[in-house]
Amino acid sequence: MSVPVIAEATAKHTATLIFMHGLGDTGHGWISTLAGVKPNYMKVICPTAPVMSVTLNAGFQMPSWFDLKSLDIGGEEDEAGIKKATVNVHSWISKEIESGIPSNRIILGGFSQGGALALYAALTYPQPLAGVVSLSCWLPLHKQFPGIKKSSDEVPIFQAHGDFDPVVPHKFGQLSASLMKSFMKNVTFKSYSGLSHSSSDEEMEDVKGFLKNWTQ
């Protein structure tokens, strides 16, 4: 895996955001946007996924956190790949803790496939996290929850989704949020009118507020 792209804190570093990109993208695709909304005490780490064959894209190779076999809500999932990617995310958290940032000052985030990974990694991480920012995504292996959950019930989750998303249907995001609300105490799901499978200024302002609110 390539070296992550990093936006350093511009004041004393006391919090970290680890943010995973969507399918086919790289860490470079999000770093400038996130650097513009993070608090000055926060470092942003944008890793790039390994290149692999993706079943959903006819086996073409591209940066992907795990194989995508279907985007149907009940479709087959790459359980082994999801769990392998989660080990990497947890190791990045550990490196931040070793550098002096406590787990409850670390936020996981991501867009689309990266947002799905962020949710799964956060819910299966046993130490307290500052929160999760999950954009235009879904909860992978949802039928295994809450049975495999290791996180505190209190971890704040901000889930955002455009209601005009042709790639990951808005309904999938809603269903994931509804499921998480049944076993998590602080889940916010916000819809953005007319937004497709992308982000918007309004959404980024909400992300900015979430990052500051849970790490200030």
Protein backbone atom coordinates (compact mmCIF):
# COMPACT_ATOMS: atom_id res chain seq x y z
CA MET A 1 0.00 0.00 0.00
CA SER A 2 1.31 3.46 -0.90
CA VAL A 3 2.23 6.12 1.65
CA PRO A 4 -0.85 8.04 2.89
CA VAL A 5 -1.39 11.67 1.92
CA ILE A 6 -1.30 13.89 5.01
CA ALA A 7 -2.50 17.38 5.89
CA GLU A 8 -0.64 18.28 9.06
CA ALA A 9 -2.17 20.20 11.94
CA THR A 10 -1.36 23.92 11.74
CA ALA A 11 -1.53 24.31 15.52
CA LYS A 12 -0.55 21.84 18.28
CA HIS A 13 -1.62 18.41 17.00
CA THR A 14 -4.25 17.01 19.37
CA ALA A 15 -6.71 15.15 17.08
CA THR A 16 -6.60 13.08 13.88
CA LEU A 17 -9.01 12.25 11.06
CA ILE A 18 -8.32 9.07 9.07
CA PHE A 19 -10.37 9.29 5.87
CA MET A 20 -10.79 6.57 3.22
CA HIS A 21 -11.57 7.46 -0.41
CA GLY A 22 -14.11 5.79 -2.69
CA LEU A 23 -13.59 3.08 -5.31
CA GLY A 24 -11.01 3.95 -7.97
CA ASP A 25 -9.85 7.13 -6.23
CA THR A 26 -6.70 7.86 -4.19
CA GLY A 27 -5.92 9.73 -1.00
CA HIS A 28 -5.13 12.78 -3.14
CA GLY A 29 -8.80 12.99 -4.15
CA TRP A 30 -9.95 14.18 -0.72
CA ILE A 31 -7.00 15.77 1.03
CA SER A 32 -7.48 19.38 -0.12
CA THR A 33 -11.22 19.37 0.64
CA LEU A 34 -10.68 17.96 4.12
CA ALA A 35 -7.76 20.29 4.82
CA GLY A 36 -10.18 23.15 4.19
CA VAL A 37 -12.72 22.00 6.81
CA LYS A 38 -10.58 20.50 9.57
CA PRO A 39 -9.85 22.34 12.83
CA ASN A 40 -6.28 23.71 13.00
CA TYR A 41 -5.31 21.20 15.71
CA MET A 42 -6.31 18.21 13.56
CA LYS A 43 -4.11 16.12 11.27
CA VAL A 44 -5.80 14.44 8.31
CA ILE A 45 -4.54 11.11 6.98
CA CYS A 46 -5.85 10.00 3.57
CA PRO A 47 -4.50 6.54 2.72
CA THR A 48 -4.77 5.08 -0.79
CA ALA A 49 -6.31 1.63 -1.21
CA PRO A 50 -4.34 -1.20 -2.81
CA VAL A 51 -4.97 -1.93 -6.49
CA MET A 52 -7.07 -5.07 -7.03
CA SER A 53 -9.54 -6.65 -9.45
CA VAL A 54 -13.09 -5.48 -8.75
CA THR A 55 -15.87 -7.91 -9.65
CA LEU A 56 -18.48 -5.15 -9.99
CA ASN A 57 -16.30 -3.45 -12.63
CA ALA A 58 -15.83 -6.56 -14.76
CA GLY A 59 -12.61 -7.51 -12.98
CA PHE A 60 -10.75 -4.32 -13.91
CA GLN A 61 -7.97 -3.40 -11.50
CA MET A 62 -8.25 -0.18 -9.52
CA PRO A 63 -7.69 1.16 -6.00
CA SER A 64 -10.23 -0.65 -3.82
CA TRP A 65 -10.41 -1.35 -0.09
CA PHE A 66 -12.06 -4.72 -0.75
CA ASP A 67 -13.77 -6.46 -3.66
CA LEU A 68 -17.23 -5.19 -4.55
CA LYS A 69 -19.34 -8.02 -5.88
CA SER A 70 -22.70 -6.25 -5.89
CA LEU A 71 -24.38 -3.03 -4.78
CA ASP A 72 -27.65 -4.79 -4.04
CA ILE A 73 -28.65 -4.56 -0.40
CA GLY A 74 -28.73 -8.34 -0.05
CA GLY A 75 -25.91 -9.07 -2.48
CA GLU A 76 -22.78 -11.14 -1.88
CA GLU A 77 -20.02 -9.35 0.05
CA ASP A 78 -16.26 -9.80 0.27
CA GLU A 79 -16.20 -10.65 3.98
CA ALA A 80 -12.52 -11.65 4.03
CA GLY A 81 -11.52 -8.48 2.17
CA ILE A 82 -13.57 -6.24 4.45
CA LYS A 83 -11.97 -7.78 7.53
CA LYS A 84 -8.46 -7.53 6.04
CA ALA A 85 -8.98 -3.84 5.23
CA THR A 86 -10.30 -3.28 8.76
CA VAL A 87 -7.06 -4.66 10.24
CA ASN A 88 -5.20 -1.95 8.28
CA VAL A 89 -7.51 0.79 9.56
CA HIS A 90 -7.09 -0.41 13.14
CA SER A 91 -3.30 -0.39 12.67
CA TRP A 92 -3.44 3.25 11.51
CA ILE A 93 -5.39 4.10 14.65
CA SER A 94 -2.74 2.30 16.72
CA LYS A 95 0.04 4.34 15.09
CA GLU A 96 -1.73 7.57 16.01
CA ILE A 97 -2.18 6.38 19.60
CA GLU A 98 1.53 5.49 19.74
CA SER A 99 2.34 9.02 18.56
CA GLY A 100 0.42 10.47 21.49
CA ILE A 101 -3.13 10.99 20.19
CA PRO A 102 -5.65 9.10 22.36
CA SER A 103 -8.29 7.01 20.58
CA ASN A 104 -11.07 9.33 21.73
CA ARG A 105 -9.40 12.13 19.72
CA ILE A 106 -9.41 10.09 16.49
CA ILE A 107 -12.22 10.25 13.93
CA LEU A 108 -12.66 7.70 11.15
CA GLY A 109 -14.24 8.85 7.90
CA GLY A 110 -14.77 7.94 4.30
CA PHE A 111 -16.73 8.32 1.10
CA SER A 112 -18.70 5.52 -0.60
CA GLN A 113 -16.69 2.28 -0.24
CA GLY A 114 -14.33 4.16 2.09
CA GLY A 115 -17.25 5.32 4.21
CA ALA A 116 -18.51 1.75 4.41
CA LEU A 117 -15.08 0.66 5.64
CA ALA A 118 -15.01 3.51 8.17
CA LEU A 119 -18.33 2.39 9.66
CA TYR A 120 -17.32 -1.26 9.87
CA ALA A 121 -13.88 -0.46 11.29
CA ALA A 122 -15.30 1.92 13.91
CA LEU A 123 -18.01 -0.47 15.07
CA THR A 124 -15.50 -3.32 15.43
CA TYR A 125 -12.88 -1.24 17.27
CA PRO A 126 -12.95 -1.83 21.05
CA GLN A 127 -11.50 1.48 22.26
CA PRO A 128 -13.49 4.76 22.31
CA LEU A 129 -13.27 6.88 19.15
CA ALA A 130 -14.16 10.56 18.73
CA GLY A 131 -16.61 9.73 15.93
CA VAL A 132 -17.30 8.56 12.39
CA VAL A 133 -17.98 10.61 9.24
CA SER A 134 -19.59 8.34 6.64
CA LEU A 135 -20.54 9.87 3.29
CA SER A 136 -22.69 8.28 0.55
CA CYS A 137 -22.21 4.79 1.91
CA TRP A 138 -23.66 1.74 3.66
CA LEU A 139 -22.86 -0.61 6.55
CA PRO A 140 -21.04 -3.70 5.23
CA LEU A 141 -21.92 -7.16 6.57
CA HIS A 142 -24.95 -5.53 8.19
CA LYS A 143 -26.59 -8.87 9.06
CA GLN A 144 -23.74 -9.54 11.53
CA PHE A 145 -24.61 -6.48 13.64
CA PRO A 146 -24.97 -5.86 16.50
CA GLY A 147 -23.49 -9.28 17.25
CA ILE A 148 -19.94 -8.41 16.15
CA LYS A 149 -19.96 -4.85 17.51
CA LYS A 150 -17.04 -4.08 19.83
CA SER A 151 -17.39 -0.29 20.03
CA SER A 152 -19.01 1.76 22.74
CA ASP A 153 -22.69 2.53 22.13
CA GLU A 154 -21.79 6.21 22.51
CA VAL A 155 -19.55 6.71 19.43
CA PRO A 156 -21.04 9.62 17.42
CA ILE A 157 -21.82 8.71 13.81
CA PHE A 158 -22.58 11.31 11.14
CA GLN A 159 -23.96 9.72 7.98
CA ALA A 160 -24.60 11.92 4.94
CA HIS A 161 -26.21 10.92 1.64
CA GLY A 162 -27.51 12.65 -1.48
CA ASP A 163 -31.11 11.76 -2.31
CA PHE A 164 -30.25 11.60 -6.03
CA ASP A 165 -27.40 9.06 -5.71
CA PRO A 166 -27.43 6.62 -8.67
CA VAL A 167 -24.48 4.54 -7.39
CA VAL A 168 -25.19 3.84 -3.71
CA PRO A 169 -28.95 4.37 -3.42
CA HIS A 170 -30.12 6.82 -0.76
CA LYS A 171 -32.36 4.07 0.59
CA PHE A 172 -29.29 1.92 1.40
CA GLY A 173 -27.89 4.72 3.50
CA GLN A 174 -31.23 5.16 5.27
CA LEU A 175 -31.50 1.45 6.03
CA SER A 176 -27.95 1.34 7.39
CA ALA A 177 -28.64 4.34 9.63
CA SER A 178 -31.90 2.80 10.88
CA LEU A 179 -30.10 -0.42 11.77
CA MET A 180 -27.29 1.42 13.59
CA LYS A 181 -29.80 3.53 15.51
CA SER A 182 -31.14 0.28 16.98
CA PHE A 183 -27.87 -0.38 18.81
CA MET A 184 -25.97 2.95 18.79
CA LYS A 185 -27.05 6.01 20.78
CA ASN A 186 -25.71 8.85 18.63
CA VAL A 187 -26.41 8.30 14.92
CA THR A 188 -27.29 11.25 12.67
CA PHE A 189 -28.44 10.66 9.08
CA LYS A 190 -28.73 13.72 6.87
CA SER A 191 -30.05 13.81 3.31
CA TYR A 192 -28.98 16.38 0.72
CA SER A 193 -31.60 17.33 -1.85
CA GLY A 194 -30.57 16.80 -5.48
CA LEU A 195 -27.06 15.58 -4.58
CA SER A 196 -25.78 12.63 -6.61
CA HIS A 197 -22.83 10.36 -5.71
CA SER A 198 -20.59 13.23 -4.63
CA SER A 199 -20.18 15.84 -1.93
CA SER A 200 -21.38 19.43 -1.74
CA ASP A 201 -20.48 22.66 0.04
CA GLU A 202 -23.43 22.19 2.39
CA GLU A 203 -22.32 18.67 3.28
CA MET A 204 -18.73 19.80 3.87
CA GLU A 205 -19.95 22.54 6.21
CA ASP A 206 -21.77 19.86 8.19
CA VAL A 207 -18.61 17.72 8.25
CA LYS A 208 -16.67 20.76 9.46
CA GLY A 209 -19.12 21.21 12.32
CA PHE A 210 -18.97 17.54 13.27
CA LEU A 211 -15.15 17.46 13.31
CA LYS A 212 -14.99 20.51 15.55
CA ASN A 213 -17.88 19.50 17.81
CA TRP A 214 -16.47 16.10 18.76
CA THR A 215 -12.80 17.08 19.15
CA GLN A 216 -12.83 20.61 20.57
